[in-house]
């Protein structure tokens, strides 16, 4: 790893922030920085140039923490069965939380 890069564990945001960048904008920004993220046993890491605590990139990573952990988790056979959905399955279900409705667990 280059000397000017850090590998930092990222914790989720304490409070929601609707003003942060989208995950697409975050991905594009990280690519422009030659930075990356990865998950090691459910722990989200940022690898790239050091970010200040008030940096909008860091705020966005914290805001999207849970979704990013899902995206970067190696989970063969544990993804939602709904076509075009790649989210992790909800516990005890074949679909993700977005596709479970009501107590009956019907797929939307």
PDB file of N, CA and C in Angstrom:
ATOM      1  N   UNK A   1       0.862  -1.173   0.000  1.00  0.00           N
ATOM      2  CA  UNK A   1       0.000   0.000   0.000  1.00  0.00           C
ATOM      3  C   UNK A   1       0.908   1.235   0.000  1.00  0.00           C
ATOM      4  N   UNK A   2       0.613   2.207  -0.863  1.00  0.00           N
ATOM      5  CA  UNK A   2       1.415   3.440  -0.891  1.00  0.00           C
ATOM      6  C   UNK A   2       1.396   4.156   0.463  1.00  0.00           C
ATOM      7  N   UNK A   3       2.442   4.884   0.750  1.00  0.00           N
ATOM      8  CA  UNK A   3       2.564   5.581   2.036  1.00  0.00           C
ATOM      9  C   UNK A   3       1.448   6.576   2.300  1.00  0.00           C
ATOM     10  N   UNK A   4       0.904   7.180   1.262  1.00  0.00           N
ATOM     11  CA  UNK A   4      -0.129   8.202   1.453  1.00  0.00           C
ATOM     12  C   UNK A   4      -1.545   7.613   1.555  1.00  0.00           C
ATOM     13  N   UNK A   5      -1.656   6.279   1.625  1.00  0.00           N
ATOM     14  CA  UNK A   5      -2.964   5.631   1.748  1.00  0.00           C
ATOM     15  C   UNK A   5      -3.154   5.063   3.146  1.00  0.00           C
ATOM     16  N   UNK A   6      -4.418   4.969   3.543  1.00  0.00           N
ATOM     17  CA  UNK A   6      -4.776   4.400   4.835  1.00  0.00           C
ATOM     18  C   UNK A   6      -5.763   3.265   4.613  1.00  0.00           C
ATOM     19  N   UNK A   7      -5.827   2.340   5.562  1.00  0.00           N
ATOM     20  CA  UNK A   7      -6.850   1.298   5.593  1.00  0.00           C
ATOM     21  C   UNK A   7      -7.599   1.513   6.894  1.00  0.00           C
ATOM     22  N   UNK A   8      -8.827   2.047   6.797  1.00  0.00           N
ATOM     23  CA  UNK A   8      -9.577   2.496   7.972  1.00  0.00           C
ATOM     24  C   UNK A   8     -10.888   1.720   8.083  1.00  0.00           C
ATOM     25  N   UNK A   9     -11.220   1.282   9.291  1.00  0.00           N
ATOM     26  CA  UNK A   9     -12.516   0.662   9.561  1.00  0.00           C
ATOM     27  C   UNK A   9     -13.555   1.774   9.634  1.00  0.00           C
ATOM     28  N   UNK A  10     -14.669   1.585   8.937  1.00  0.00           N
ATOM     29  CA  UNK A  10     -15.739   2.588   8.888  1.00  0.00           C
ATOM     30  C   UNK A  10     -16.935   2.092   9.682  1.00  0.00           C
ATOM     31  N   UNK A  11     -17.384   2.893  10.600  1.00  0.00           N
ATOM     32  CA  UNK A  11     -18.580   2.602  11.399  1.00  0.00           C
ATOM     33  C   UNK A  11     -19.773   3.328  10.776  1.00  0.00           C
ATOM     34  N   UNK A  12     -20.983   2.825  10.994  1.00  0.00           N
ATOM     35  CA  UNK A  12     -22.161   3.509  10.443  1.00  0.00           C
ATOM     36  C   UNK A  12     -22.384   4.874  11.082  1.00  0.00           C
ATOM     37  N   UNK A  13     -23.100   5.733  10.384  1.00  0.00           N
ATOM     38  CA  UNK A  13     -23.432   7.061  10.894  1.00  0.00           C
ATOM     39  C   UNK A  13     -24.332   6.939  12.115  1.00  0.00           C
ATOM     40  N   UNK A  14     -24.162   7.871  13.059  1.00  0.00           N
ATOM     41  CA  UNK A  14     -25.013   7.891  14.249  1.00  0.00           C
ATOM     42  C   UNK A  14     -26.433   8.321  13.918  1.00  0.00           C
ATOM     43  N   UNK A  15     -26.541   9.239  12.957  1.00  0.00           N
ATOM     44  CA  UNK A  15     -27.849   9.775  12.571  1.00  0.00           C
ATOM     45  C   UNK A  15     -27.956   9.808  11.053  1.00  0.00           C
ATOM     46  N   UNK A  16     -29.155   9.592  10.520  1.00  0.00           N
ATOM     47  CA  UNK A  16     -29.335   9.677   9.069  1.00  0.00           C
ATOM     48  C   UNK A  16     -29.042  11.089   8.562  1.00  0.00           C
ATOM     49  N   UNK A  17     -28.546  11.172   7.334  1.00  0.00           N
ATOM     50  CA  UNK A  17     -28.252  12.464   6.727  1.00  0.00           C
ATOM     51  C   UNK A  17     -28.699  12.410   5.277  1.00  0.00           C
ATOM     52  N   UNK A  18     -29.792  13.072   4.967  1.00  0.00           N
ATOM     53  CA  UNK A  18     -30.340  13.024   3.609  1.00  0.00           C
ATOM     54  C   UNK A  18     -29.566  13.868   2.614  1.00  0.00           C
ATOM     55  N   UNK A  19     -28.590  14.629   3.088  1.00  0.00           N
ATOM     56  CA  UNK A  19     -27.862  15.524   2.191  1.00  0.00           C
ATOM     57  C   UNK A  19     -26.627  14.871   1.569  1.00  0.00           C
ATOM     58  N   UNK A  20     -26.356  13.607   1.898  1.00  0.00           N
ATOM     59  CA  UNK A  20     -25.143  12.975   1.393  1.00  0.00           C
ATOM     60  C   UNK A  20     -25.299  12.540  -0.053  1.00  0.00           C
ATOM     61  N   UNK A  21     -24.167  12.246  -0.687  1.00  0.00           N
ATOM     62  CA  UNK A  21     -24.177  11.827  -2.086  1.00  0.00           C
ATOM     63  C   UNK A  21     -24.773  10.428  -2.227  1.00  0.00           C
ATOM     64  N   UNK A  22     -25.255  10.129  -3.417  1.00  0.00           N
ATOM     65  CA  UNK A  22     -25.820   8.811  -3.709  1.00  0.00           C
ATOM     66  C   UNK A  22     -24.711   7.770  -3.759  1.00  0.00           C
ATOM     67  N   UNK A  23     -25.089   6.499  -3.749  1.00  0.00           N
ATOM     68  CA  UNK A  23     -24.072   5.446  -3.855  1.00  0.00           C
ATOM     69  C   UNK A  23     -23.378   5.494  -5.215  1.00  0.00           C
ATOM     70  N   UNK A  24     -24.086   5.874  -6.275  1.00  0.00           N
ATOM     71  CA  UNK A  24     -23.447   6.004  -7.590  1.00  0.00           C
ATOM     72  C   UNK A  24     -22.411   7.118  -7.584  1.00  0.00           C
ATOM     73  N   UNK A  25     -22.763   8.259  -7.000  1.00  0.00           N
ATOM     74  CA  UNK A  25     -21.810   9.371  -6.915  1.00  0.00           C
ATOM     75  C   UNK A  25     -20.624   8.989  -6.035  1.00  0.00           C
ATOM     76  N   UNK A  26     -20.887   8.259  -4.970  1.00  0.00           N
ATOM     77  CA  UNK A  26     -19.817   7.804  -4.086  1.00  0.00           C
ATOM     78  C   UNK A  26     -18.859   6.880  -4.839  1.00  0.00           C
ATOM     79  N   UNK A  27     -19.409   5.930  -5.584  1.00  0.00           N
ATOM     80  CA  UNK A  27     -18.578   5.014  -6.374  1.00  0.00           C
ATOM     81  C   UNK A  27     -17.693   5.786  -7.352  1.00  0.00           C
ATOM     82  N   UNK A  28     -18.280   6.733  -8.053  1.00  0.00           N
ATOM     83  CA  UNK A  28     -17.511   7.523  -9.023  1.00  0.00           C
ATOM     84  C   UNK A  28     -16.422   8.345  -8.337  1.00  0.00           C
ATOM     85  N   UNK A  29     -16.743   8.906  -7.186  1.00  0.00           N
ATOM     86  CA  UNK A  29     -15.769   9.705  -6.445  1.00  0.00           C
ATOM     87  C   UNK A  29     -14.618   8.830  -5.958  1.00  0.00           C
ATOM     88  N   UNK A  30     -14.939   7.645  -5.433  1.00  0.00           N
ATOM     89  CA  UNK A  30     -13.895   6.730  -4.965  1.00  0.00           C
ATOM     90  C   UNK A  30     -12.989   6.295  -6.112  1.00  0.00           C
ATOM     91  N   UNK A  31     -13.580   6.035  -7.270  1.00  0.00           N
ATOM     92  CA  UNK A  31     -12.769   5.674  -8.448  1.00  0.00           C
ATOM     93  C   UNK A  31     -11.814   6.801  -8.808  1.00  0.00           C
ATOM     94  N   UNK A  32     -12.294   8.031  -8.746  1.00  0.00           N
ATOM     95  CA  UNK A  32     -11.451   9.187  -9.050  1.00  0.00           C
ATOM     96  C   UNK A  32     -10.299   9.361  -8.072  1.00  0.00           C
ATOM     97  N   UNK A  33     -10.464   8.859  -6.860  1.00  0.00           N
ATOM     98  CA  UNK A  33      -9.415   8.936  -5.838  1.00  0.00           C
ATOM     99  C   UNK A  33      -8.502   7.713  -5.849  1.00  0.00           C
ATOM    100  N   UNK A  34      -8.823   6.727  -6.705  1.00  0.00           N
ATOM    101  CA  UNK A  34      -8.143   5.432  -6.674  1.00  0.00           C
ATOM    102  C   UNK A  34      -8.271   4.799  -5.296  1.00  0.00           C
ATOM    103  N   UNK A  35      -9.435   4.959  -4.699  1.00  0.00           N
ATOM    104  CA  UNK A  35      -9.729   4.387  -3.388  1.00  0.00           C
ATOM    105  C   UNK A  35     -10.652   3.192  -3.574  1.00  0.00           C
ATOM    106  N   UNK A  36     -10.761   2.394  -2.527  1.00  0.00           N
ATOM    107  CA  UNK A  36     -11.649   1.236  -2.587  1.00  0.00           C
ATOM    108  C   UNK A  36     -12.217   0.942  -1.210  1.00  0.00           C
ATOM    109  N   UNK A  37     -13.213   0.065  -1.182  1.00  0.00           N
ATOM    110  CA  UNK A  37     -13.776  -0.418   0.072  1.00  0.00           C
ATOM    111  C   UNK A  37     -13.829  -1.926  -0.006  1.00  0.00           C
ATOM    112  N   UNK A  38     -13.753  -2.562   1.155  1.00  0.00           N
ATOM    113  CA  UNK A  38     -13.921  -4.007   1.219  1.00  0.00           C
ATOM    114  C   UNK A  38     -14.494  -4.377   2.571  1.00  0.00           C
ATOM    115  N   UNK A  39     -15.057  -5.595   2.654  1.00  0.00           N
ATOM    116  CA  UNK A  39     -15.628  -6.103   3.895  1.00  0.00           C
ATOM    117  C   UNK A  39     -14.803  -7.293   4.354  1.00  0.00           C
ATOM    118  N   UNK A  40     -14.426  -7.264   5.618  1.00  0.00           N
ATOM    119  CA  UNK A  40     -13.713  -8.365   6.244  1.00  0.00           C
ATOM    120  C   UNK A  40     -14.532  -8.805   7.449  1.00  0.00           C
ATOM    121  N   UNK A  41     -15.247  -9.926   7.308  1.00  0.00           N
ATOM    122  CA  UNK A  41     -16.075 -10.460   8.394  1.00  0.00           C
ATOM    123  C   UNK A  41     -17.060  -9.415   8.913  1.00  0.00           C
ATOM    124  N   UNK A  42     -17.841  -8.827   8.043  1.00  0.00           N
ATOM    125  CA  UNK A  42     -18.876  -7.818   8.298  1.00  0.00           C
ATOM    126  C   UNK A  42     -18.337  -6.449   8.708  1.00  0.00           C
ATOM    127  N   UNK A  43     -17.034  -6.240   8.654  1.00  0.00           N
ATOM    128  CA  UNK A  43     -16.430  -4.956   8.994  1.00  0.00           C
ATOM    129  C   UNK A  43     -16.064  -4.242   7.695  1.00  0.00           C
ATOM    130  N   UNK A  44     -16.586  -3.013   7.523  1.00  0.00           N
ATOM    131  CA  UNK A  44     -16.351  -2.228   6.312  1.00  0.00           C
ATOM    132  C   UNK A  44     -15.042  -1.457   6.436  1.00  0.00           C
ATOM    133  N   UNK A  45     -14.198  -1.561   5.412  1.00  0.00           N
ATOM    134  CA  UNK A  45     -12.913  -0.857   5.362  1.00  0.00           C
ATOM    135  C   UNK A  45     -12.894   0.105   4.183  1.00  0.00           C
ATOM    136  N   UNK A  46     -12.240   1.227   4.375  1.00  0.00           N
ATOM    137  CA  UNK A  46     -11.943   2.191   3.304  1.00  0.00           C
ATOM    138  C   UNK A  46     -10.437   2.177   3.129  1.00  0.00           C
ATOM    139  N   UNK A  47      -9.981   2.048   1.887  1.00  0.00           N
ATOM    140  CA  UNK A  47      -8.553   2.107   1.578  1.00  0.00           C
ATOM    141  C   UNK A  47      -8.357   3.202   0.539  1.00  0.00           C
ATOM    142  N   UNK A  48      -7.576   4.209   0.908  1.00  0.00           N
ATOM    143  CA  UNK A  48      -7.333   5.316  -0.004  1.00  0.00           C
ATOM    144  C   UNK A  48      -6.698   6.474   0.721  1.00  0.00           C
ATOM    145  N   UNK A  49      -6.700   7.633   0.093  1.00  0.00           N
ATOM    146  CA  UNK A  49      -6.137   8.815   0.744  1.00  0.00           C
ATOM    147  C   UNK A  49      -6.865   9.105   2.057  1.00  0.00           C
ATOM    148  N   UNK A  50      -6.150   9.617   3.035  1.00  0.00           N
ATOM    149  CA  UNK A  50      -6.743   9.953   4.331  1.00  0.00           C
ATOM    150  C   UNK A  50      -7.876  10.969   4.133  1.00  0.00           C
ATOM    151  N   UNK A  51      -8.986  10.755   4.843  1.00  0.00           N
ATOM    152  CA  UNK A  51     -10.143  11.648   4.775  1.00  0.00           C
ATOM    153  C   UNK A  51     -10.348  12.315   6.125  1.00  0.00           C
ATOM    154  N   UNK A  52     -10.658  13.601   6.105  1.00  0.00           N
ATOM    155  CA  UNK A  52     -10.986  14.311   7.344  1.00  0.00           C
ATOM    156  C   UNK A  52     -12.349  13.836   7.851  1.00  0.00           C
ATOM    157  N   UNK A  53     -12.589  13.984   9.141  1.00  0.00           N
ATOM    158  CA  UNK A  53     -13.853  13.552   9.748  1.00  0.00           C
ATOM    159  C   UNK A  53     -15.073  14.215   9.116  1.00  0.00           C
ATOM    160  N   UNK A  54     -14.901  15.445   8.609  1.00  0.00           N
ATOM    161  CA  UNK A  54     -16.025  16.159   7.999  1.00  0.00           C
ATOM    162  C   UNK A  54     -16.036  16.068   6.476  1.00  0.00           C
ATOM    163  N   UNK A  55     -15.213  15.177   5.915  1.00  0.00           N
ATOM    164  CA  UNK A  55     -15.162  14.998   4.466  1.00  0.00           C
ATOM    165  C   UNK A  55     -16.477  14.389   3.981  1.00  0.00           C
ATOM    166  N   UNK A  56     -17.051  14.946   2.923  1.00  0.00           N
ATOM    167  CA  UNK A  56     -18.330  14.462   2.403  1.00  0.00           C
ATOM    168  C   UNK A  56     -18.263  13.006   1.958  1.00  0.00           C
ATOM    169  N   UNK A  57     -17.103  12.557   1.520  1.00  0.00           N
ATOM    170  CA  UNK A  57     -16.942  11.152   1.120  1.00  0.00           C
ATOM    171  C   UNK A  57     -17.097  10.245   2.332  1.00  0.00           C
ATOM    172  N   UNK A  58     -16.417  10.572   3.414  1.00  0.00           N
ATOM    173  CA  UNK A  58     -16.508   9.781   4.635  1.00  0.00           C
ATOM    174  C   UNK A  58     -17.926   9.807   5.199  1.00  0.00           C
ATOM    175  N   UNK A  59     -18.566  10.951   5.155  1.00  0.00           N
ATOM    176  CA  UNK A  59     -19.950  11.063   5.623  1.00  0.00           C
ATOM    177  C   UNK A  59     -20.858  10.157   4.794  1.00  0.00           C
ATOM    178  N   UNK A  60     -20.659  10.143   3.473  1.00  0.00           N
ATOM    179  CA  UNK A  60     -21.478   9.295   2.595  1.00  0.00           C
ATOM    180  C   UNK A  60     -21.215   7.815   2.864  1.00  0.00           C
ATOM    181  N   UNK A  61     -19.961   7.435   3.077  1.00  0.00           N
ATOM    182  CA  UNK A  61     -19.649   6.031   3.369  1.00  0.00           C
ATOM    183  C   UNK A  61     -20.341   5.607   4.661  1.00  0.00           C
ATOM    184  N   UNK A  62     -20.278   6.457   5.674  1.00  0.00           N
ATOM    185  CA  UNK A  62     -20.938   6.136   6.952  1.00  0.00           C
ATOM    186  C   UNK A  62     -22.452   6.055   6.777  1.00  0.00           C
ATOM    187  N   UNK A  63     -23.007   6.966   6.010  1.00  0.00           N
ATOM    188  CA  UNK A  63     -24.461   7.000   5.778  1.00  0.00           C
ATOM    189  C   UNK A  63     -24.939   5.728   5.068  1.00  0.00           C
ATOM    190  N   UNK A  64     -24.180   5.266   4.085  1.00  0.00           N
ATOM    191  CA  UNK A  64     -24.556   4.098   3.285  1.00  0.00           C
ATOM    192  C   UNK A  64     -23.917   2.810   3.818  1.00  0.00           C
ATOM    193  N   UNK A  65     -23.410   2.843   5.034  1.00  0.00           N
ATOM    194  CA  UNK A  65     -22.643   1.743   5.620  1.00  0.00           C
ATOM    195  C   UNK A  65     -23.294   0.368   5.424  1.00  0.00           C
ATOM    196  N   UNK A  66     -24.531   0.203   5.868  1.00  0.00           N
ATOM    197  CA  UNK A  66     -25.168  -1.117   5.831  1.00  0.00           C
ATOM    198  C   UNK A  66     -25.337  -1.631   4.402  1.00  0.00           C
ATOM    199  N   UNK A  67     -25.725  -0.758   3.496  1.00  0.00           N
ATOM    200  CA  UNK A  67     -25.863  -1.158   2.095  1.00  0.00           C
ATOM    201  C   UNK A  67     -24.500  -1.527   1.509  1.00  0.00           C
ATOM    202  N   UNK A  68     -23.463  -0.765   1.832  1.00  0.00           N
ATOM    203  CA  UNK A  68     -22.128  -1.054   1.323  1.00  0.00           C
ATOM    204  C   UNK A  68     -21.613  -2.394   1.856  1.00  0.00           C
ATOM    205  N   UNK A  69     -21.886  -2.685   3.116  1.00  0.00           N
ATOM    206  CA  UNK A  69     -21.490  -3.988   3.668  1.00  0.00           C
ATOM    207  C   UNK A  69     -22.177  -5.101   2.879  1.00  0.00           C
ATOM    208  N   UNK A  70     -23.463  -4.942   2.596  1.00  0.00           N
ATOM    209  CA  UNK A  70     -24.176  -5.931   1.783  1.00  0.00           C
ATOM    210  C   UNK A  70     -23.543  -6.077   0.407  1.00  0.00           C
ATOM    211  N   UNK A  71     -23.236  -4.952  -0.228  1.00  0.00           N
ATOM    212  CA  UNK A  71     -22.697  -4.974  -1.584  1.00  0.00           C
ATOM    213  C   UNK A  71     -21.348  -5.682  -1.648  1.00  0.00           C
ATOM    214  N   UNK A  72     -20.520  -5.514  -0.626  1.00  0.00           N
ATOM    215  CA  UNK A  72     -19.160  -6.045  -0.662  1.00  0.00           C
ATOM    216  C   UNK A  72     -18.999  -7.360   0.096  1.00  0.00           C
ATOM    217  N   UNK A  73     -20.095  -7.951   0.548  1.00  0.00           N
ATOM    218  CA  UNK A  73     -20.033  -9.221   1.253  1.00  0.00           C
ATOM    219  C   UNK A  73     -20.098 -10.373   0.253  1.00  0.00           C
ATOM    220  N   UNK A  74     -19.129 -11.288   0.351  1.00  0.00           N
ATOM    221  CA  UNK A  74     -19.139 -12.493  -0.474  1.00  0.00           C
ATOM    222  C   UNK A  74     -20.193 -13.418   0.105  1.00  0.00           C
ATOM    223  N   UNK A  75     -21.250 -13.671  -0.650  1.00  0.00           N
ATOM    224  CA  UNK A  75     -22.375 -14.436  -0.109  1.00  0.00           C
ATOM    225  C   UNK A  75     -23.015 -15.326  -1.167  1.00  0.00           C
ATOM    226  N   UNK A  76     -22.259 -16.273  -1.718  1.00  0.00           N
ATOM    227  CA  UNK A  76     -22.874 -17.145  -2.723  1.00  0.00           C
ATOM    228  C   UNK A  76     -24.042 -17.920  -2.114  1.00  0.00           C
ATOM    229  N   UNK A  77     -25.161 -17.941  -2.829  1.00  0.00           N
ATOM    230  CA  UNK A  77     -26.336 -18.659  -2.355  1.00  0.00           C
ATOM    231  C   UNK A  77     -27.124 -17.939  -1.276  1.00  0.00           C
ATOM    232  N   UNK A  78     -26.720 -16.720  -0.910  1.00  0.00           N
ATOM    233  CA  UNK A  78     -27.433 -15.983   0.136  1.00  0.00           C
ATOM    234  C   UNK A  78     -28.026 -14.678  -0.399  1.00  0.00           C
ATOM    235  N   UNK A  79     -28.191 -14.577  -1.690  1.00  0.00           N
ATOM    236  CA  UNK A  79     -28.775 -13.377  -2.294  1.00  0.00           C
ATOM    237  C   UNK A  79     -30.266 -13.587  -2.546  1.00  0.00           C
ATOM    238  N   UNK A  80     -30.973 -12.496  -2.622  1.00  0.00           N
ATOM    239  CA  UNK A  80     -32.412 -12.496  -2.903  1.00  0.00           C
ATOM    240  C   UNK A  80     -32.683 -13.233  -4.221  1.00  0.00           C
ATOM    241  N   UNK A  81     -33.770 -14.009  -4.263  1.00  0.00           N
ATOM    242  CA  UNK A  81     -34.087 -14.775  -5.461  1.00  0.00           C
ATOM    243  C   UNK A  81     -34.857 -13.959  -6.506  1.00  0.00           C
ATOM    244  N   UNK A  82     -35.268 -12.747  -6.163  1.00  0.00           N
ATOM    245  CA  UNK A  82     -35.993 -11.908  -7.112  1.00  0.00           C
ATOM    246  C   UNK A  82     -35.017 -11.459  -8.209  1.00  0.00           C
ATOM    247  N   UNK A  83     -35.426 -11.659  -9.459  1.00  0.00           N
ATOM    248  CA  UNK A  83     -34.566 -11.318 -10.590  1.00  0.00           C
ATOM    249  C   UNK A  83     -34.126  -9.859 -10.530  1.00  0.00           C
ATOM    250  N   UNK A  84     -32.907  -9.590 -10.819  1.00  0.00           N
ATOM    251  CA  UNK A  84     -32.231  -8.290 -10.830  1.00  0.00           C
ATOM    252  C   UNK A  84     -31.964  -7.723  -9.433  1.00  0.00           C
ATOM    253  N   UNK A  85     -32.263  -8.450  -8.368  1.00  0.00           N
ATOM    254  CA  UNK A  85     -31.978  -7.978  -7.011  1.00  0.00           C
ATOM    255  C   UNK A  85     -30.758  -8.729  -6.483  1.00  0.00           C
ATOM    256  N   UNK A  86     -29.813  -8.015  -5.920  1.00  0.00           N
ATOM    257  CA  UNK A  86     -28.604  -8.662  -5.406  1.00  0.00           C
ATOM    258  C   UNK A  86     -28.430  -8.457  -3.904  1.00  0.00           C
ATOM    259  N   UNK A  87     -29.476  -7.992  -3.227  1.00  0.00           N
ATOM    260  CA  UNK A  87     -29.384  -7.783  -1.776  1.00  0.00           C
ATOM    261  C   UNK A  87     -29.315  -9.124  -1.060  1.00  0.00           C
ATOM    262  N   UNK A  88     -28.798  -9.104   0.167  1.00  0.00           N
ATOM    263  CA  UNK A  88     -28.742 -10.314   0.975  1.00  0.00           C
ATOM    264  C   UNK A  88     -30.149 -10.703   1.412  1.00  0.00           C
ATOM    265  N   UNK A  89     -30.373 -11.993   1.537  1.00  0.00           N
ATOM    266  CA  UNK A  89     -31.678 -12.494   1.981  1.00  0.00           C
ATOM    267  C   UNK A  89     -31.963 -12.067   3.410  1.00  0.00           C
ATOM    268  N   UNK A  90     -33.247 -11.876   3.690  1.00  0.00           N
ATOM    269  CA  UNK A  90     -33.700 -11.641   5.049  1.00  0.00           C
ATOM    270  C   UNK A  90     -33.601 -12.969   5.788  1.00  0.00           C
ATOM    271  N   UNK A  91     -33.354 -12.936   7.078  1.00  0.00           N
ATOM    272  CA  UNK A  91     -33.206 -14.158   7.870  1.00  0.00           C
ATOM    273  C   UNK A  91     -34.402 -15.077   7.688  1.00  0.00           C
ATOM    274  N   UNK A  92     -34.148 -16.329   7.368  1.00  0.00           N
ATOM    275  CA  UNK A  92     -35.207 -17.323   7.227  1.00  0.00           C
ATOM    276  C   UNK A  92     -36.054 -17.183   5.983  1.00  0.00           C
ATOM    277  N   UNK A  93     -35.617 -16.428   4.994  1.00  0.00           N
ATOM    278  CA  UNK A  93     -36.402 -16.178   3.792  1.00  0.00           C
ATOM    279  C   UNK A  93     -35.549 -16.419   2.552  1.00  0.00           C
ATOM    280  N   UNK A  94     -36.201 -16.468   1.400  1.00  0.00           N
ATOM    281  CA  UNK A  94     -35.478 -16.582   0.132  1.00  0.00           C
ATOM    282  C   UNK A  94     -35.339 -15.223  -0.546  1.00  0.00           C
ATOM    283  N   UNK A  95     -35.913 -14.184   0.084  1.00  0.00           N
ATOM    284  CA  UNK A  95     -35.868 -12.839  -0.494  1.00  0.00           C
ATOM    285  C   UNK A  95     -35.288 -11.846   0.511  1.00  0.00           C
ATOM    286  N   UNK A  96     -34.937 -10.678   0.023  1.00  0.00           N
ATOM    287  CA  UNK A  96     -34.399  -9.623   0.881  1.00  0.00           C
ATOM    288  C   UNK A  96     -35.536  -8.885   1.588  1.00  0.00           C
ATOM    289  N   UNK A  97     -35.161  -8.035   2.518  1.00  0.00           N
ATOM    290  CA  UNK A  97     -36.150  -7.283   3.296  1.00  0.00           C
ATOM    291  C   UNK A  97     -37.011  -6.384   2.397  1.00  0.00           C
ATOM    292  N   UNK A  98     -36.461  -5.933   1.267  1.00  0.00           N
ATOM    293  CA  UNK A  98     -37.226  -5.089   0.350  1.00  0.00           C
ATOM    294  C   UNK A  98     -38.365  -5.849  -0.330  1.00  0.00           C
ATOM    295  N   UNK A  99     -38.240  -7.176  -0.437  1.00  0.00           N
ATOM    296  CA  UNK A  99     -39.235  -7.961  -1.163  1.00  0.00           C
ATOM    297  C   UNK A  99     -40.130  -8.796  -0.255  1.00  0.00           C
ATOM    298  N   UNK A 100     -39.998  -8.656   1.038  1.00  0.00           N
ATOM    299  CA  UNK A 100     -40.877  -9.344   1.987  1.00  0.00           C
ATOM    300  C   UNK A 100     -41.987  -8.378   2.370  1.00  0.00           C
ATOM    301  N   UNK A 101     -43.233  -8.844   2.313  1.00  0.00           N
ATOM    302  CA  UNK A 101     -44.369  -7.997   2.683  1.00  0.00           C
ATOM    303  C   UNK A 101     -45.188  -8.688   3.757  1.00  0.00           C
ATOM    304  N   UNK A 102     -45.485  -7.957   4.801  1.00  0.00           N
ATOM    305  CA  UNK A 102     -46.371  -8.464   5.850  1.00  0.00           C
ATOM    306  C   UNK A 102     -45.851  -9.707   6.538  1.00  0.00           C
ATOM    307  N   UNK A 103     -46.622 -10.259   7.395  1.00  0.00           N
ATOM    308  CA  UNK A 103     -46.226 -11.431   8.157  1.00  0.00           C
ATOM    309  C   UNK A 103     -46.230 -12.687   7.308  1.00  0.00           C
ATOM    310  N   UNK A 104     -47.006 -12.709   6.239  1.00  0.00           N
ATOM    311  CA  UNK A 104     -47.088 -13.903   5.400  1.00  0.00           C
ATOM    312  C   UNK A 104     -45.812 -14.116   4.600  1.00  0.00           C
ATOM    313  N   UNK A 105     -44.978 -13.066   4.458  1.00  0.00           N
ATOM    314  CA  UNK A 105     -43.735 -13.197   3.728  1.00  0.00           C
ATOM    315  C   UNK A 105     -43.919 -13.347   2.237  1.00  0.00           C
ATOM    316  N   UNK A 106     -44.947 -12.731   1.688  1.00  0.00           N
ATOM    317  CA  UNK A 106     -45.180 -12.821   0.251  1.00  0.00           C
ATOM    318  C   UNK A 106     -44.194 -11.941  -0.486  1.00  0.00           C
ATOM    319  N   UNK A 107     -43.870 -12.337  -1.673  1.00  0.00           N
ATOM    320  CA  UNK A 107     -42.901 -11.602  -2.494  1.00  0.00           C
ATOM    321  C   UNK A 107     -43.599 -10.551  -3.302  1.00  0.00           C
ATOM    322  N   UNK A 108     -43.021  -9.335  -3.303  1.00  0.00           N
ATOM    323  CA  UNK A 108     -43.617  -8.265  -4.111  1.00  0.00           C
ATOM    324  C   UNK A 108     -43.004  -8.255  -5.488  1.00  0.00           C
TER     325      UNK A 108
END
